[in-house]
Protein backbone atom coordinates (compact mmCIF):
# COMPACT_ATOMS: atom_id res chain seq x y z
CA MET A 1 -28.30 6.38 33.13
CA THR A 2 -29.53 9.92 32.96
CA GLN A 3 -26.82 12.85 32.46
CA SER A 4 -26.95 16.23 30.94
CA CYS A 5 -25.02 18.51 28.57
CA GLU A 6 -25.16 21.69 27.26
CA VAL A 7 -25.38 21.04 23.76
CA ALA A 8 -25.97 17.26 21.98
CA ILE A 9 -25.20 16.91 17.98
CA VAL A 10 -25.82 13.71 16.03
CA GLY A 11 -23.77 12.76 13.89
CA SER A 12 -19.84 12.95 13.56
CA GLY A 13 -19.26 13.47 9.81
CA PHE A 14 -17.24 16.46 9.47
CA ALA A 15 -19.49 19.21 9.80
CA GLY A 16 -20.82 17.75 13.08
CA SER A 17 -17.15 16.98 14.04
CA LEU A 18 -16.23 20.46 13.44
CA LEU A 19 -19.11 22.27 15.11
CA ALA A 20 -18.65 19.98 18.29
CA ARG A 21 -15.30 20.83 19.12
CA VAL A 22 -15.51 24.77 17.97
CA LEU A 23 -18.18 24.71 20.60
CA THR A 24 -16.25 23.04 22.85
CA VAL A 25 -13.39 25.42 22.47
CA LEU A 26 -16.30 28.35 23.20
CA GLY A 27 -16.63 26.60 26.53
CA TYR A 28 -19.81 24.90 26.21
CA ASP A 29 -19.94 21.08 27.26
CA VAL A 30 -20.81 19.23 23.81
CA VAL A 31 -21.93 15.30 23.76
CA LEU A 32 -21.38 14.02 19.78
CA LEU A 33 -23.15 11.44 19.18
CA GLU A 34 -22.31 8.43 16.79
CA ARG A 35 -24.58 5.27 15.54
CA GLY A 36 -21.47 4.03 13.70
CA THR A 37 -17.93 4.67 14.12
CA HIS A 38 -15.15 5.48 12.65
CA PRO A 39 -13.15 5.21 9.98
CA ARG A 40 -16.07 4.64 7.22
CA PHE A 41 -16.86 4.94 3.96
CA ALA A 42 -19.11 8.48 2.39
CA ILE A 43 -19.34 10.09 -0.60
CA GLY A 44 -19.54 14.26 -0.77
CA GLU A 45 -15.90 14.52 -1.65
CA SER A 46 -15.08 17.62 -3.64
CA SER A 47 -13.84 20.97 -1.90
CA THR A 48 -14.69 24.37 -3.65
CA PRO A 49 -12.70 27.63 -2.68
CA LEU A 50 -15.63 28.66 -1.15
CA ALA A 51 -15.17 25.43 1.39
CA ASN A 52 -11.52 26.21 1.95
CA LEU A 53 -12.79 30.03 2.77
CA SER A 54 -14.85 28.55 5.39
CA LEU A 55 -12.15 26.18 6.72
CA GLU A 56 -9.61 28.89 6.64
CA ARG A 57 -12.16 31.37 8.73
CA ILE A 58 -12.95 28.12 10.89
CA GLY A 59 -8.98 28.10 11.85
CA LEU A 60 -8.05 31.11 12.24
CA ARG A 61 -11.01 32.49 14.52
CA TYR A 62 -11.13 29.17 17.21
CA GLY A 63 -7.40 28.26 16.80
CA LEU A 64 -7.77 25.47 15.22
CA PRO A 65 -4.53 25.15 13.77
CA ASP A 66 -4.90 21.85 11.23
CA CYS A 67 -8.32 23.56 9.54
CA TYR A 68 -6.05 26.32 8.33
CA SER A 69 -4.03 23.94 7.21
CA LEU A 70 -6.65 21.18 5.61
CA ALA A 71 -7.78 24.37 3.19
CA ALA A 72 -5.08 24.21 0.51
CA HIS A 73 -3.63 21.14 -1.33
CA GLY A 74 0.14 22.49 -0.42
CA ARG A 75 -0.74 22.69 3.21
CA TRP A 76 -2.35 19.42 3.22
CA LEU A 77 0.43 17.62 1.93
CA GLU A 78 3.25 19.45 4.10
CA HIS A 79 1.18 19.25 7.35
CA PHE A 80 -0.97 15.63 7.35
CA PRO A 81 0.13 14.01 4.54
CA GLU A 82 -1.42 10.72 5.91
CA LEU A 83 -4.50 12.04 5.37
CA ARG A 84 -5.65 11.01 1.76
CA ARG A 85 -6.56 13.68 -1.16
CA GLY A 86 -7.26 14.71 -4.59
CA LEU A 87 -5.75 17.82 -5.90
CA LYS A 88 -8.72 19.61 -7.42
CA ARG A 89 -7.55 22.44 -10.11
CA GLY A 90 -10.82 23.24 -11.43
CA PHE A 91 -13.63 21.86 -13.01
CA THR A 92 -13.77 19.91 -16.22
CA PHE A 93 -17.04 18.90 -18.48
CA TYR A 94 -17.27 16.79 -21.61
CA ARG A 95 -19.98 16.09 -23.56
CA HIS A 96 -20.14 12.68 -24.65
CA HIS A 97 -22.94 10.69 -27.07
CA PRO A 98 -24.48 7.53 -26.93
CA ASN A 99 -21.95 4.93 -29.04
CA GLN A 100 -19.51 7.44 -30.01
CA PRO A 101 -16.18 8.21 -28.96
CA PHE A 102 -15.40 11.54 -27.51
CA ALA A 103 -15.01 13.67 -30.67
CA ASP A 104 -11.28 15.77 -30.18
CA ASN A 105 -12.29 18.68 -32.46
CA GLY A 106 -9.58 20.74 -30.73
CA PHE A 107 -10.55 23.42 -29.84
CA ASP A 108 -13.95 23.31 -30.75
CA SER A 109 -14.26 19.80 -28.57
CA GLU A 110 -17.69 19.81 -26.51
CA ARG A 111 -15.34 20.61 -23.35
CA LEU A 112 -15.24 22.93 -20.59
CA LEU A 113 -12.62 23.90 -18.04
CA VAL A 114 -12.75 26.46 -15.66
CA ALA A 115 -9.84 26.85 -13.32
CA ALA A 116 -10.79 26.97 -9.52
CA SER A 117 -6.61 28.43 -8.80
CA PRO A 118 -3.66 29.44 -10.49
CA HIS A 119 -1.29 26.76 -8.73
CA ASP A 120 -1.46 22.96 -7.50
CA ALA A 121 -0.49 25.27 -3.73
CA ILE A 122 -3.20 26.35 -3.14
CA ALA A 123 -6.03 23.58 -4.61
CA ASP A 124 -8.68 22.72 -3.44
CA THR A 125 -9.28 19.07 -2.58
CA HIS A 126 -11.48 15.77 -2.75
CA TRP A 127 -11.30 14.97 0.56
CA LEU A 128 -11.28 11.18 1.54
CA ARG A 129 -14.21 11.26 3.45
CA ALA A 130 -13.25 7.89 5.83
CA ASP A 131 -9.84 9.72 6.60
CA VAL A 132 -11.21 13.56 6.83
CA ASP A 133 -14.05 12.52 9.16
CA HIS A 134 -12.34 10.19 11.37
CA HIS A 135 -9.27 13.40 11.50
CA PHE A 136 -12.12 15.49 13.00
CA VAL A 137 -13.86 13.15 15.49
CA ARG A 138 -10.00 12.59 16.89
CA GLN A 139 -9.35 16.32 16.74
CA ALA A 140 -12.62 16.78 18.49
CA ILE A 141 -11.66 14.32 21.60
CA ALA A 142 -8.32 15.96 21.45
CA ALA A 143 -10.57 19.62 22.12
CA GLY A 144 -12.46 17.75 25.19
CA VAL A 145 -15.90 17.13 23.19
CA ASP A 146 -17.21 13.75 24.76
CA TYR A 147 -17.61 11.29 21.64
CA ARG A 148 -19.91 8.58 22.54
CA ASP A 149 -20.05 5.85 19.13
CA ARG A 150 -22.25 2.86 18.67
CA VAL A 151 -25.05 4.82 19.92
CA ASP A 152 -28.96 3.88 18.82
CA LEU A 153 -31.46 7.19 19.52
CA THR A 154 -34.41 6.17 19.97
CA SER A 155 -36.64 9.19 20.88
CA ALA A 156 -36.71 12.92 21.41
CA THR A 157 -38.59 15.01 23.16
CA VAL A 158 -38.54 18.71 22.88
CA SER A 159 -39.20 21.44 25.17
CA SER A 160 -39.33 24.98 26.22
CA GLN A 161 -36.37 24.24 28.73
CA GLU A 162 -34.56 21.89 27.80
CA VAL A 163 -34.31 18.39 24.61
CA CYS A 164 -34.21 14.98 25.90
CA VAL A 165 -33.05 12.16 24.16
CA THR A 166 -32.81 8.79 25.19
CA GLY A 167 -31.31 5.61 23.68
CA LYS A 168 -28.80 3.41 24.08
CA GLN A 169 -25.13 2.57 23.50
CA ASN A 170 -23.31 -0.81 23.08
CA GLY A 171 -27.26 -1.90 24.25
CA ASN A 172 -27.05 0.17 27.61
CA PRO A 173 -29.56 2.57 27.97
CA PHE A 174 -29.17 6.33 28.95
CA ALA A 175 -31.21 9.61 28.15
CA LEU A 176 -29.51 13.07 27.96
CA HIS A 177 -30.86 16.07 28.77
CA ALA A 178 -29.49 19.28 26.54
CA ASN A 179 -30.10 22.65 26.54
CA PHE A 180 -30.01 22.31 22.34
CA LEU A 181 -29.79 19.96 19.79
CA ILE A 182 -28.21 19.89 16.31
CA ASP A 183 -28.88 17.11 13.69
CA ALA A 184 -25.87 16.62 11.14
CA SER A 185 -26.68 13.02 10.53
CA GLY A 186 -27.78 13.54 7.38
CA PRO A 187 -30.33 12.35 4.79
CA GLY A 188 -34.19 11.82 7.02
CA GLY A 189 -32.14 11.68 10.45
CA PHE A 190 -32.97 11.39 13.87
CA LEU A 191 -34.33 14.31 14.30
CA ALA A 192 -36.62 14.65 11.21
CA ARG A 193 -38.03 11.64 12.49
CA GLN A 194 -39.00 12.19 15.67
CA LEU A 195 -40.58 15.81 15.54
CA ALA A 196 -42.29 14.49 12.56
CA ILE A 197 -40.90 17.59 10.33
CA PRO A 198 -43.04 17.56 7.45
CA SER A 199 -41.00 17.41 3.67
CA GLY A 200 -40.71 19.47 1.25
CA LEU A 201 -39.47 17.60 -1.67
CA GLU A 202 -42.35 19.06 -3.56
CA ARG A 203 -40.11 22.39 -4.14
CA THR A 204 -37.17 20.89 -5.29
CA GLU A 205 -37.39 20.26 -9.35
CA THR A 206 -34.79 18.45 -9.45
CA ARG A 207 -34.70 14.93 -9.10
CA SER A 208 -31.96 11.97 -10.06
CA ALA A 209 -30.43 8.41 -9.47
CA LEU A 210 -26.97 7.37 -8.36
CA VAL A 211 -25.14 4.57 -9.23
CA PHE A 212 -21.11 4.44 -7.53
CA SER A 213 -18.08 2.99 -6.31
CA HIS A 214 -14.67 3.98 -5.84
CA PHE A 215 -11.83 2.45 -8.00
CA ASP A 216 -8.65 1.16 -8.46
CA ASP A 217 -6.71 1.55 -11.96
CA VAL A 218 -8.83 4.29 -13.71
CA ARG A 219 -7.36 5.66 -17.21
CA LEU A 220 -6.96 9.33 -17.17
CA MET A 221 -8.66 11.00 -19.58
CA ARG A 222 -5.41 12.53 -20.94
CA GLU A 223 -4.32 9.18 -22.21
CA VAL A 224 -7.45 7.88 -23.73
CA VAL A 225 -7.83 10.98 -25.38
CA PRO A 226 -4.20 12.25 -25.76
CA GLY A 227 -4.58 14.88 -28.36
CA LEU A 228 -6.79 17.68 -26.90
CA PRO A 229 -5.35 21.40 -26.62
CA GLU A 230 -3.73 22.43 -23.64
CA GLY A 231 -6.63 23.86 -20.59
CA PRO A 232 -5.55 26.04 -17.43
CA TYR A 233 -4.83 22.92 -15.82
CA PRO A 234 -4.51 19.52 -16.75
CA ASP A 235 -7.96 17.99 -17.30
CA ASP A 236 -8.34 15.35 -15.22
CA TRP A 237 -6.72 17.11 -11.32
CA ALA A 238 -10.40 18.53 -11.33
CA ALA A 239 -13.95 17.49 -10.69
CA VAL A 240 -14.44 16.06 -14.32
CA HIS A 241 -17.92 15.99 -14.89
CA HIS A 242 -19.15 13.50 -18.29
CA VAL A 243 -22.07 14.67 -19.76
CA ILE A 244 -24.04 12.29 -21.10
CA ASP A 245 -27.56 11.94 -22.36
CA GLU A 246 -29.42 10.37 -19.54
CA GLY A 247 -27.47 12.57 -17.09
CA TRP A 248 -24.19 13.08 -15.95
CA MET A 249 -20.46 10.85 -14.49
CA TYR A 250 -18.21 12.35 -11.53
CA SER A 251 -14.85 11.09 -11.81
CA LEU A 252 -12.82 12.40 -8.69
CA ARG A 253 -9.02 11.24 -8.86
CA PHE A 254 -7.52 11.27 -5.48
CA ASP A 255 -3.72 11.18 -5.24
CA HIS A 256 -2.63 7.77 -4.14
CA GLY A 257 -4.51 6.58 -7.06
CA THR A 258 -8.21 5.82 -6.18
CA THR A 259 -10.93 7.56 -8.04
CA SER A 260 -14.15 8.01 -6.98
CA ALA A 261 -16.97 7.81 -9.70
CA GLY A 262 -20.50 7.82 -10.07
CA PHE A 263 -23.51 8.26 -12.82
CA LEU A 264 -26.15 10.61 -12.10
CA LEU A 265 -28.96 9.65 -13.89
CA ALA A 266 -32.41 11.85 -14.43
CA PRO A 267 -35.54 10.04 -14.50
CA THR A 268 -36.36 9.00 -18.13
CA GLY A 269 -32.35 8.45 -18.48
CA ALA A 270 -32.86 5.58 -15.36
CA SER A 271 -36.24 4.03 -16.50
CA THR A 272 -34.70 3.92 -19.93
CA LEU A 273 -31.69 1.97 -18.39
CA GLY A 274 -34.25 -0.48 -16.72
CA ALA A 275 -32.44 1.00 -13.14
CA ARG A 276 -34.46 -0.46 -10.40
CA GLY A 277 -32.68 -1.43 -7.58
CA SER A 278 -29.72 -1.92 -5.78
CA ALA A 279 -29.29 -5.65 -7.47
CA ASP A 280 -29.44 -3.73 -10.46
CA ALA A 281 -26.22 -1.42 -9.93
CA ALA A 282 -23.23 -3.15 -11.29
CA SER A 283 -25.18 -3.93 -14.59
CA LEU A 284 -26.55 -0.38 -14.78
CA TRP A 285 -22.73 0.71 -14.70
CA SER A 286 -21.98 -2.09 -17.31
CA ALA A 287 -24.77 -0.63 -19.55
CA LEU A 288 -23.91 2.81 -19.43
CA LEU A 289 -20.34 2.25 -19.86
CA ARG A 290 -20.92 0.22 -23.02
CA ARG A 291 -23.22 2.84 -24.36
CA TYR A 292 -20.27 5.57 -24.05
CA PRO A 293 -16.86 3.78 -25.79
CA THR A 294 -14.28 6.69 -24.30
CA LEU A 295 -15.60 5.90 -20.68
CA ALA A 296 -15.64 2.49 -21.41
CA THR A 297 -12.00 2.80 -22.12
CA ALA A 298 -11.38 4.74 -19.21
CA PHE A 299 -12.64 2.10 -16.64
CA ALA A 300 -11.47 -0.91 -18.94
CA ASP A 301 -9.49 -2.12 -16.08
CA ALA A 302 -11.10 -0.88 -13.62
CA ARG A 303 -11.63 -2.41 -10.07
CA PRO A 304 -14.43 -1.63 -7.99
CA LEU A 305 -12.95 -1.21 -4.14
CA MET A 306 -16.54 -1.51 -2.55
CA PRO A 307 -19.60 -3.49 -4.03
CA MET A 308 -21.80 -0.80 -6.56
CA THR A 309 -24.51 0.93 -4.81
CA PHE A 310 -27.57 2.36 -6.76
CA ARG A 311 -29.91 5.06 -5.01
CA SER A 312 -33.00 5.58 -6.93
CA CYS A 313 -33.84 9.20 -5.46
CA ILE A 314 -30.69 11.40 -4.02
CA GLN A 315 -33.16 14.22 -2.88
CA HIS A 316 -34.88 14.87 -0.34
CA ARG A 317 -36.23 18.41 1.49
CA LEU A 318 -37.54 19.14 5.42
CA THR A 319 -39.57 22.53 5.93
CA ARG A 320 -37.76 24.00 9.19
CA ALA A 321 -34.36 24.02 9.98
CA ALA A 322 -33.97 25.89 13.19
CA GLU A 323 -36.27 26.13 15.84
CA GLU A 324 -36.10 27.12 19.69
CA ARG A 325 -34.33 24.07 20.74
CA TRP A 326 -32.47 22.65 17.45
CA ALA A 327 -30.93 22.95 14.22
CA LEU A 328 -30.43 20.74 11.04
CA MET A 329 -26.98 21.14 9.53
CA PRO A 330 -27.61 21.24 5.63
CA HIS A 331 -27.12 18.01 4.58
CA ALA A 332 -29.39 17.01 7.45
CA TYR A 333 -32.44 19.34 6.15
CA ALA A 334 -32.03 19.25 2.46
CA PHE A 335 -29.51 17.73 -0.44
CA VAL A 336 -29.95 18.39 -4.14
CA ASP A 337 -27.41 17.11 -6.31
CA PRO A 338 -23.54 16.91 -6.06
CA LEU A 339 -23.60 18.36 -9.79
CA PHE A 340 -21.48 21.69 -8.98
CA SER A 341 -19.44 20.56 -5.46
CA THR A 342 -21.86 22.23 -2.92
CA GLY A 343 -22.15 20.00 -0.28
CA ILE A 344 -19.29 21.00 1.74
CA ALA A 345 -18.97 24.63 0.93
CA TRP A 346 -22.72 25.11 2.05
CA SER A 347 -22.08 22.82 5.29
CA LEU A 348 -19.13 24.89 6.87
CA ARG A 349 -20.94 27.92 6.46
CA ALA A 350 -23.67 26.13 8.44
CA VAL A 351 -20.89 25.28 11.12
CA GLU A 352 -19.97 29.14 10.86
CA ARG A 353 -23.40 30.38 11.48
CA LEU A 354 -24.18 28.25 14.39
CA ALA A 355 -21.22 29.48 15.89
CA LEU A 356 -21.32 32.52 15.90
CA GLY A 357 -24.96 32.38 17.18
CA PHE A 358 -23.60 30.50 19.81
CA GLU A 359 -20.84 33.03 20.30
CA LEU A 360 -23.16 35.92 21.46
CA ALA A 361 -25.30 33.78 23.43
CA LYS A 362 -21.90 32.93 25.29
CA GLN A 363 -23.16 35.43 28.08
CA GLY A 364 -26.34 35.20 28.01
CA THR A 365 -28.89 31.93 27.56
CA ARG A 366 -25.85 29.58 26.01
CA VAL A 367 -28.16 28.98 23.16
CA PRO A 368 -28.79 30.85 20.34
CA ASP A 369 -31.77 33.32 20.10
CA ALA A 370 -34.92 33.50 18.25
CA SER A 371 -33.71 35.99 15.88
CA ALA A 372 -30.65 34.05 15.02
CA LEU A 373 -32.81 30.60 14.28
CA ALA A 374 -34.85 32.56 12.34
CA ARG A 375 -32.19 33.70 10.09
CA TYR A 376 -30.41 30.33 9.79
CA ASP A 377 -33.49 28.85 9.16
CA ALA A 378 -35.02 31.18 6.55
CA LEU A 379 -31.12 31.44 4.61
CA LEU A 380 -31.00 27.42 4.33
CA GLY A 381 -34.41 27.69 3.17
CA ALA A 382 -33.60 30.01 0.05
CA GLU A 383 -30.56 28.75 -0.23
CA ALA A 384 -31.92 25.18 -0.94
CA ASP A 385 -34.01 26.49 -3.54
CA GLN A 386 -31.22 28.37 -5.24
CA ILE A 387 -29.04 25.65 -5.12
CA ASP A 388 -31.90 23.23 -6.88
CA ARG A 389 -32.36 26.29 -9.48
CA VAL A 390 -28.90 26.19 -10.81
CA VAL A 391 -28.95 22.35 -10.86
CA ALA A 392 -32.50 22.12 -12.45
CA GLY A 393 -31.48 24.11 -15.21
CA ALA A 394 -28.06 22.63 -15.33
CA TYR A 395 -29.90 19.35 -16.30
CA GLU A 396 -32.66 20.99 -18.76
CA ALA A 397 -29.08 22.45 -20.83
CA MET A 398 -27.94 18.82 -21.05
CA ALA A 399 -29.72 18.34 -24.26
CA HIS A 400 -27.36 20.92 -25.46
CA PHE A 401 -23.41 21.36 -24.92
CA ASP A 402 -23.33 25.04 -25.73
CA LEU A 403 -27.24 25.29 -23.45
CA PHE A 404 -24.40 23.73 -20.78
CA ALA A 405 -22.01 25.58 -20.86
CA ALA A 406 -23.55 28.78 -20.87
CA GLN A 407 -25.81 27.42 -18.05
CA ALA A 408 -22.46 26.75 -15.72
CA MET A 409 -21.78 30.32 -16.36
CA LEU A 410 -23.98 31.13 -13.72
CA TYR A 411 -23.04 29.42 -10.98
CA PHE A 412 -19.09 30.44 -11.86
CA ALA A 413 -19.92 33.72 -12.32
CA ALA A 414 -21.70 33.43 -8.57
CA VAL A 415 -18.76 31.44 -6.72
CA SER A 416 -16.10 33.65 -8.19
CA PHE A 417 -17.67 36.66 -7.62
CA ALA A 418 -18.44 35.67 -3.95
CA GLU A 419 -14.59 33.93 -3.22
CA VAL A 420 -12.98 37.39 -4.21
CA CYS A 421 -15.11 39.57 -2.05
CA GLN A 422 -14.48 36.81 0.45
CA ARG A 423 -10.76 36.99 0.18
CA LEU A 424 -10.82 40.83 0.54
CA SER A 425 -13.01 40.78 3.68
CA ARG A 426 -12.01 39.92 7.39
CA ASP A 427 -15.75 40.77 8.31
CA ASP A 428 -17.48 38.34 10.71
CA ALA A 429 -20.68 38.97 8.47
CA VAL A 430 -19.16 36.98 5.63
CA ALA A 431 -20.29 34.05 7.24
CA TRP A 432 -24.42 35.52 6.82
CA SER A 433 -24.04 35.99 3.03
CA GLY A 434 -26.24 33.94 0.71
CA PHE A 435 -24.86 31.22 -1.15
CA LEU A 436 -24.94 31.26 -4.91
CA GLY A 437 -26.05 34.81 -4.81
CA VAL A 438 -28.61 34.44 -2.70
CA GLY A 439 -29.72 38.24 -1.43
CA ASP A 440 -27.98 39.26 -4.30
CA ALA A 441 -29.36 42.06 -6.29
CA VAL A 442 -28.43 40.97 -9.29
CA LEU A 443 -27.40 37.42 -8.53
CA ASP A 444 -30.96 36.08 -6.72
CA SER A 445 -33.10 35.91 -9.31
CA LEU A 446 -31.21 34.94 -12.65
CA PRO A 447 -31.29 31.05 -11.82
CA GLY A 448 -35.01 31.13 -11.82
CA GLU A 449 -35.27 32.86 -15.01
CA SER A 450 -32.64 30.82 -16.22
CA LEU A 451 -34.45 27.72 -15.88
CA ARG A 452 -37.48 29.07 -17.40
CA ARG A 453 -35.67 29.91 -20.38
CA LEU A 454 -34.10 26.77 -20.88
CA ARG A 455 -37.30 25.13 -20.35
CA GLU A 456 -39.04 26.93 -23.16
CA ILE A 457 -35.66 25.91 -25.25
CA THR A 458 -36.27 22.56 -24.37
CA ARG A 459 -39.85 22.14 -23.90
CA ARG A 460 -38.92 20.31 -20.85
CA ARG A 461 -38.19 16.44 -22.81
CA GLY A 462 -34.73 17.26 -24.24
CA ASP A 463 -34.87 19.10 -27.17
CA PRO A 464 -31.65 20.77 -28.19
CA GLY A 465 -33.35 23.97 -29.80
CA THR A 466 -32.19 25.99 -32.56
CA ALA A 467 -28.72 26.80 -33.38
CA ASP A 468 -30.81 30.84 -32.87
CA GLU A 469 -32.13 29.46 -29.76
CA ARG A 470 -29.22 28.78 -28.07
CA ARG A 471 -26.95 31.93 -29.28
CA ARG A 472 -29.78 33.88 -28.08
CA PHE A 473 -29.08 32.24 -24.15
CA ALA A 474 -25.69 32.36 -24.28
CA ASP A 475 -25.97 35.91 -25.34
CA TRP A 476 -28.54 36.76 -22.17
CA VAL A 477 -26.23 34.78 -19.98
CA ALA A 478 -23.09 36.94 -20.59
CA GLU A 479 -25.50 40.23 -19.98
CA VAL A 480 -27.11 39.40 -16.82
CA ILE A 481 -23.25 38.08 -15.31
CA ALA A 482 -21.78 41.51 -16.57
CA PRO A 483 -21.99 43.20 -13.47
CA ARG A 484 -20.41 40.20 -11.42
CA ASN A 485 -18.30 38.75 -13.96
CA ILE A 486 -14.54 39.45 -12.87
CA ALA A 487 -13.33 36.38 -13.92
CA GLY A 488 -13.64 36.93 -17.75
CA LEU A 489 -17.00 34.08 -18.08
CA ALA A 490 -18.91 33.79 -21.06
CA ASP A 491 -16.30 35.10 -23.34
CA ALA A 492 -16.31 32.97 -26.80
CA ARG A 493 -12.69 33.84 -27.46
CA ARG A 494 -11.81 31.71 -24.51
CA ARG A 495 -13.16 28.64 -26.24
CA ASN A 496 -14.38 27.48 -23.31
CA LEU A 497 -10.84 27.56 -21.53
CA TYR A 498 -10.95 29.46 -18.24
CA PRO A 499 -7.85 29.90 -16.49
CA VAL A 500 -7.62 32.64 -13.02
CA ASP A 501 -7.07 35.24 -14.78
CA PHE A 502 -5.47 38.07 -12.48
CA ASP A 503 -5.10 40.82 -15.30
CA LEU A 504 -8.64 40.58 -16.09
CA LEU A 505 -9.36 40.73 -12.06
CA VAL A 506 -7.30 44.43 -12.35
CA GLU A 507 -9.36 45.32 -15.35
CA GLN A 508 -12.51 44.58 -13.80
CA HIS A 509 -11.82 46.74 -9.91
CA ALA A 510 -14.90 48.98 -10.51
CA LEU A 511 -17.21 45.63 -10.23
CA LEU A 512 -15.94 44.89 -6.77
CA GLY A 513 -16.03 48.60 -5.79
CA MET A 514 -12.16 49.19 -5.45
CA THR A 515 -9.77 51.38 -7.22
CA ARG A 516 -6.95 49.64 -9.61
CA HIS A 517 -4.59 50.60 -6.94
CA GLU A 518 -6.49 48.92 -4.46
CA LEU A 519 -7.18 45.54 -6.08
CA LEU A 520 -3.30 45.90 -6.91
CA ALA A 521 -2.17 45.96 -3.76
CA ALA A 522 -4.53 43.45 -2.88
CA VAL A 523 -3.23 40.79 -5.55
CA PRO A 524 -0.97 39.19 -3.33
CA ALA A 525 -3.31 38.11 -1.32
CA LEU A 526 -5.64 36.55 -4.06
CA ARG A 527 -3.05 34.61 -4.85
CA GLY A 528 -2.03 33.29 -1.78
CA MET A 529 0.97 34.81 -1.03
CA SER A 530 0.09 36.39 1.86
CA PRO A 531 1.85 35.25 5.53
CA GLU A 532 0.56 31.74 5.84
CA ARG A 533 -1.25 32.84 9.32
CA PRO A 534 -2.28 36.29 8.52
CA PHE A 535 -3.90 36.85 11.46
CA VAL A 536 -4.49 34.98 15.20
CA ARG A 537 -7.26 35.11 17.26
CA ARG A 538 -9.20 33.52 19.89
CA GLY A 539 -5.95 31.04 21.60
CA PHE A 540 -4.65 29.78 18.29
CA ARG A 541 -1.70 27.34 19.47
CA GLY A 542 0.32 26.82 16.32
CA PRO A 543 2.15 24.21 15.00
CA ASP A 544 3.17 22.70 18.48
CA ALA A 545 -0.95 21.81 19.97
CA ALA A 546 -0.92 18.76 21.09
CA PRO A 547 -1.67 16.05 18.18
CA ALA A 548 -4.85 14.08 18.16
CA PRO A 549 -4.80 10.83 19.90
CA PRO A 550 -3.75 7.97 17.65
CA LEU A 551 -6.32 6.00 15.20
CA GLY A 552 -9.27 4.10 17.62
CA ALA A 553 -8.41 5.71 21.07
CA GLU A 554 -11.22 7.23 20.74
CA ARG A 555 -13.18 3.90 21.68
């Protein structure tokens, strides 16, 4: 069977499904191709304020009310309680040492909390991806996307006029001719193989292995270490990071009690523990818990909901992200590490950029022009490098918690400044702003310089450095982020506990190029107190829009 469409998208995770739906709303004929079926398990579950801002903009611009509702925990609970999620108030970090319980030293504990929201209603969320991805697929179908699952693609041919993909659906051969092809399928995806896009992994400094699962009956850290001083939010309702000698562990708690958890292991940590393959995943997990008593207590009664999984290297990188008739979504192009929850935000920013490219092309060629694709390609390359430098520096800094806490300030300075700037702006160009300070005259070069300084301290072999070296590094970070530090970061008086501080933000008005009066007038919007739908564009249908088909209807 030979068919045609304007845009073919390979991969129906949240990014592919959402982009397919947006392009359909814009009037494009879109086919969405999926190898498997929904619902299905996926990791990459933790959103951030920048992710939520992208989701809000997409919802408001293209008339997708569910996107706006899913961009804050309170609105999510009100409108989509059936989609499982977890409350995420911020980023929590603990430093554990082998064969020792976590040391409760009061405010001097090796603990860092950085709030991302002032209260639960506008907080971020952990996405239970099986539910959320399936939701976006069903909404895409309701919008008119031609969704096809159980598709096995076999070839792709790109010419100056079209892209032709061939494959089988449920064993039946087909050929699909499209004006443009988008690969949202993930690492080592279909298009990379078909076009033989060279690997660029040598550009990536970070290397880590992963062992993970979902669990029931994981105890809260506040139960295991009950005497810790109160922070700006409850420690466990966050993206919780346990920093260990071998790397770090994430622990993401969903509202219904399930916890997503995994250890990320640096190469030395993985080799020391003898990590060899998936057959060793359960024993590797047990060995890591035995080494860290507090983690062992937290997971003493935990029950994995799926077999433990081991991946020896999670990093990947390609050398091209877009050309005349095709584009890769970020996760198909590059992935570094989940340390700072960059994945969802980066993917949603790419949805915005490609959608804007297709908007501009509607009255002409109906495919993004060469300049837009070149801009997209260049930005993804620069942003992949930037994410890598921030994360690679954090791995170096794990040698000592003082270094790690200081390095983390680079990330939080970049994202908090970007968040406030985006909340204050309604300019479409926000989608093209560089991620993690790319293109910012102050922030762009800092992760690279930080990585260089950290390697001088650690000697690239995990040395913690001297007290003077650590102090000088922390002082340097505080100095260089100062022109963008609107959140009171890198302040020793905070004792590593950073709330959302609107009074401080007002005092820092000059850093945003605003007067005190202008910023005071904007504070209600920054607090999430603005009207629920502050502006409406392009056919926003409101809460009475036709619902998505029931689960399974797409098949």
